[in-house]
């Protein structure tokens, strides 16, 4: 028996966990689109585009790496 509030048949914690993963994945994809569009509009070339993705993409790479490391260590 569930003692807390239920959203779409899930507990609040389960709903928040799924929402974070889905919404953050969408945000990362949107940020990749923005970086690619910025590189194309600025005519950065192949080398410049690579560095734009490296420099501007490090933020979410760190967030994803943190989640992977926590899962590998069993910390979650």
N, C-alpha and C. Protein backbone atom coordinates (compact mmCIF):
# COMPACT_ATOMS: atom_id res chain seq x y z
N UNK A 1 0.84 -1.18 0.00
CA UNK A 1 0.00 0.00 0.00
C UNK A 1 0.88 1.24 0.00
N UNK A 2 0.62 2.16 -0.91
CA UNK A 2 1.39 3.40 -1.02
C UNK A 2 0.81 4.40 -0.04
N UNK A 3 1.69 5.00 0.78
CA UNK A 3 1.20 5.94 1.79
C UNK A 3 1.33 7.39 1.36
N UNK A 4 2.06 7.66 0.28
CA UNK A 4 2.26 9.03 -0.16
C UNK A 4 1.44 9.36 -1.39
N UNK A 5 1.58 10.58 -1.87
CA UNK A 5 0.86 10.97 -3.08
C UNK A 5 1.33 10.18 -4.29
N UNK A 6 0.41 9.95 -5.22
CA UNK A 6 0.71 9.17 -6.42
C UNK A 6 0.44 10.05 -7.64
N UNK A 7 1.40 10.08 -8.57
CA UNK A 7 1.28 10.84 -9.80
C UNK A 7 1.41 9.86 -10.96
N UNK A 8 0.39 9.75 -11.79
CA UNK A 8 0.38 8.83 -12.93
C UNK A 8 0.73 7.40 -12.52
N UNK A 9 0.31 6.98 -11.36
CA UNK A 9 0.58 5.63 -10.89
C UNK A 9 1.96 5.43 -10.30
N UNK A 10 2.72 6.51 -10.16
CA UNK A 10 4.06 6.43 -9.59
C UNK A 10 4.13 7.23 -8.30
N UNK A 11 5.04 6.86 -7.43
CA UNK A 11 5.26 7.69 -6.25
C UNK A 11 5.96 8.97 -6.69
N UNK A 12 5.99 9.95 -5.84
CA UNK A 12 6.62 11.22 -6.18
C UNK A 12 8.10 11.03 -6.50
N UNK A 13 8.80 10.20 -5.74
CA UNK A 13 10.22 9.98 -5.97
C UNK A 13 10.47 9.31 -7.32
N UNK A 14 9.64 8.33 -7.67
CA UNK A 14 9.80 7.66 -8.97
C UNK A 14 9.51 8.63 -10.11
N UNK A 15 8.45 9.43 -9.95
CA UNK A 15 8.09 10.42 -10.97
C UNK A 15 9.21 11.44 -11.16
N UNK A 16 9.78 11.93 -10.06
CA UNK A 16 10.87 12.91 -10.14
C UNK A 16 12.10 12.30 -10.82
N UNK A 17 12.41 11.06 -10.51
CA UNK A 17 13.58 10.40 -11.11
C UNK A 17 13.41 10.26 -12.63
N UNK A 18 12.25 9.79 -13.06
CA UNK A 18 11.99 9.63 -14.49
C UNK A 18 11.95 10.99 -15.19
N UNK A 19 11.31 11.97 -14.57
CA UNK A 19 11.21 13.30 -15.15
C UNK A 19 12.58 13.94 -15.32
N UNK A 20 13.45 13.78 -14.33
CA UNK A 20 14.79 14.34 -14.43
C UNK A 20 15.54 13.74 -15.60
N UNK A 21 15.48 12.43 -15.74
CA UNK A 21 16.21 11.77 -16.83
C UNK A 21 15.67 12.17 -18.20
N UNK A 22 14.35 12.20 -18.35
CA UNK A 22 13.75 12.53 -19.64
C UNK A 22 13.98 14.00 -19.99
N UNK A 23 13.69 14.88 -19.05
CA UNK A 23 13.81 16.32 -19.33
C UNK A 23 15.27 16.74 -19.51
N UNK A 24 16.17 16.17 -18.73
CA UNK A 24 17.58 16.53 -18.87
C UNK A 24 18.15 16.02 -20.18
N UNK A 25 17.71 14.84 -20.61
CA UNK A 25 18.13 14.33 -21.92
C UNK A 25 17.66 15.26 -23.02
N UNK A 26 16.41 15.71 -22.94
CA UNK A 26 15.89 16.67 -23.92
C UNK A 26 16.68 17.97 -23.91
N UNK A 27 17.04 18.44 -22.73
CA UNK A 27 17.81 19.68 -22.61
C UNK A 27 19.19 19.52 -23.23
N UNK A 28 19.84 18.39 -23.01
CA UNK A 28 21.16 18.13 -23.60
C UNK A 28 21.06 18.11 -25.12
N UNK A 29 20.06 17.42 -25.65
CA UNK A 29 19.89 17.38 -27.10
C UNK A 29 19.63 18.77 -27.68
N UNK A 30 18.84 19.57 -26.98
CA UNK A 30 18.57 20.94 -27.43
C UNK A 30 19.85 21.78 -27.39
N UNK A 31 20.67 21.61 -26.35
CA UNK A 31 21.92 22.35 -26.26
C UNK A 31 22.89 21.94 -27.37
N UNK A 32 22.90 20.65 -27.73
CA UNK A 32 23.74 20.21 -28.84
C UNK A 32 23.27 20.84 -30.15
N UNK A 33 21.96 20.94 -30.33
CA UNK A 33 21.41 21.61 -31.51
C UNK A 33 21.84 23.07 -31.54
N UNK A 34 21.77 23.76 -30.41
CA UNK A 34 22.15 25.17 -30.34
C UNK A 34 23.63 25.34 -30.66
N UNK A 35 24.49 24.48 -30.12
CA UNK A 35 25.93 24.57 -30.39
C UNK A 35 26.20 24.35 -31.88
N UNK A 36 25.55 23.34 -32.46
CA UNK A 36 25.73 23.08 -33.89
C UNK A 36 25.23 24.23 -34.75
N UNK A 37 24.10 24.81 -34.39
CA UNK A 37 23.56 25.94 -35.12
C UNK A 37 24.49 27.15 -35.00
N UNK A 38 25.03 27.39 -33.82
CA UNK A 38 25.96 28.49 -33.60
C UNK A 38 27.23 28.30 -34.43
N UNK A 39 27.73 27.08 -34.48
CA UNK A 39 28.93 26.79 -35.28
C UNK A 39 28.65 27.01 -36.76
N UNK A 40 27.47 26.60 -37.22
CA UNK A 40 27.14 26.76 -38.64
C UNK A 40 26.97 28.23 -39.01
N UNK A 41 26.30 29.00 -38.15
CA UNK A 41 26.07 30.42 -38.44
C UNK A 41 27.35 31.23 -38.37
N UNK A 42 28.29 30.83 -37.52
CA UNK A 42 29.54 31.58 -37.40
C UNK A 42 30.57 31.12 -38.42
N UNK A 43 30.23 30.08 -39.21
CA UNK A 43 31.15 29.53 -40.21
C UNK A 43 32.49 29.15 -39.56
N UNK A 44 32.39 28.40 -38.48
CA UNK A 44 33.56 28.05 -37.69
C UNK A 44 34.47 27.04 -38.38
N UNK A 45 33.98 26.29 -39.33
CA UNK A 45 34.80 25.26 -39.96
C UNK A 45 34.79 24.00 -39.11
N UNK A 46 35.45 22.98 -39.61
CA UNK A 46 35.45 21.68 -38.92
C UNK A 46 36.19 21.75 -37.58
N UNK A 47 37.36 22.36 -37.58
CA UNK A 47 38.17 22.45 -36.36
C UNK A 47 37.50 23.35 -35.32
N UNK A 48 37.00 24.48 -35.76
CA UNK A 48 36.31 25.39 -34.84
C UNK A 48 35.05 24.78 -34.26
N UNK A 49 34.31 24.04 -35.09
CA UNK A 49 33.09 23.38 -34.61
C UNK A 49 33.43 22.35 -33.56
N UNK A 50 34.50 21.59 -33.78
CA UNK A 50 34.90 20.59 -32.80
C UNK A 50 35.20 21.26 -31.46
N UNK A 51 35.93 22.35 -31.49
CA UNK A 51 36.28 23.03 -30.24
C UNK A 51 35.07 23.68 -29.58
N UNK A 52 34.11 24.12 -30.38
CA UNK A 52 32.88 24.66 -29.78
C UNK A 52 32.13 23.57 -29.04
N UNK A 53 32.03 22.39 -29.64
CA UNK A 53 31.36 21.28 -28.96
C UNK A 53 32.12 20.85 -27.71
N UNK A 54 33.45 20.83 -27.78
CA UNK A 54 34.25 20.44 -26.62
C UNK A 54 34.09 21.46 -25.49
N UNK A 55 34.27 22.73 -25.81
CA UNK A 55 34.25 23.77 -24.78
C UNK A 55 32.85 23.98 -24.20
N UNK A 56 31.85 24.06 -25.06
CA UNK A 56 30.50 24.34 -24.57
C UNK A 56 29.80 23.09 -24.05
N UNK A 57 30.27 21.92 -24.44
CA UNK A 57 29.63 20.69 -24.00
C UNK A 57 30.20 20.08 -22.75
N UNK A 58 31.24 20.65 -22.18
CA UNK A 58 31.86 20.05 -20.99
C UNK A 58 30.94 20.05 -19.78
N UNK A 59 30.04 21.01 -19.70
CA UNK A 59 29.14 21.08 -18.54
C UNK A 59 28.27 19.85 -18.41
N UNK A 60 27.58 19.50 -19.48
CA UNK A 60 26.70 18.33 -19.36
C UNK A 60 27.47 17.02 -19.45
N UNK A 61 28.67 17.03 -20.00
CA UNK A 61 29.49 15.82 -19.98
C UNK A 61 29.85 15.48 -18.53
N UNK A 62 30.18 16.49 -17.75
CA UNK A 62 30.48 16.27 -16.34
C UNK A 62 29.29 15.74 -15.57
N UNK A 63 28.09 16.25 -15.87
CA UNK A 63 26.88 15.79 -15.19
C UNK A 63 26.60 14.33 -15.53
N UNK A 64 26.73 13.96 -16.79
CA UNK A 64 26.49 12.58 -17.21
C UNK A 64 27.57 11.66 -16.62
N UNK A 65 28.83 12.11 -16.62
CA UNK A 65 29.92 11.31 -16.05
C UNK A 65 29.68 11.05 -14.56
N UNK A 66 29.18 12.05 -13.86
CA UNK A 66 28.90 11.89 -12.43
C UNK A 66 27.87 10.80 -12.21
N UNK A 67 26.83 10.77 -13.03
CA UNK A 67 25.79 9.76 -12.90
C UNK A 67 26.34 8.36 -13.21
N UNK A 68 27.18 8.26 -14.22
CA UNK A 68 27.75 6.96 -14.60
C UNK A 68 28.69 6.45 -13.51
N UNK A 69 29.53 7.34 -12.98
CA UNK A 69 30.46 6.94 -11.91
C UNK A 69 29.70 6.51 -10.67
N UNK A 70 28.63 7.23 -10.32
CA UNK A 70 27.84 6.86 -9.15
C UNK A 70 27.19 5.49 -9.34
N UNK A 71 26.70 5.22 -10.56
CA UNK A 71 26.08 3.93 -10.84
C UNK A 71 27.11 2.80 -10.78
N UNK A 72 28.31 3.03 -11.31
CA UNK A 72 29.37 2.01 -11.28
C UNK A 72 29.82 1.71 -9.87
N UNK A 73 29.85 2.75 -9.02
CA UNK A 73 30.29 2.55 -7.64
C UNK A 73 29.15 2.06 -6.73
N UNK A 74 27.93 2.07 -7.25
CA UNK A 74 26.79 1.62 -6.46
C UNK A 74 26.34 2.62 -5.42
N UNK A 75 26.62 3.90 -5.64
CA UNK A 75 26.29 4.93 -4.65
C UNK A 75 24.84 5.37 -4.78
N UNK A 76 24.41 5.62 -5.97
CA UNK A 76 23.08 6.12 -6.31
C UNK A 76 22.39 6.63 -5.11
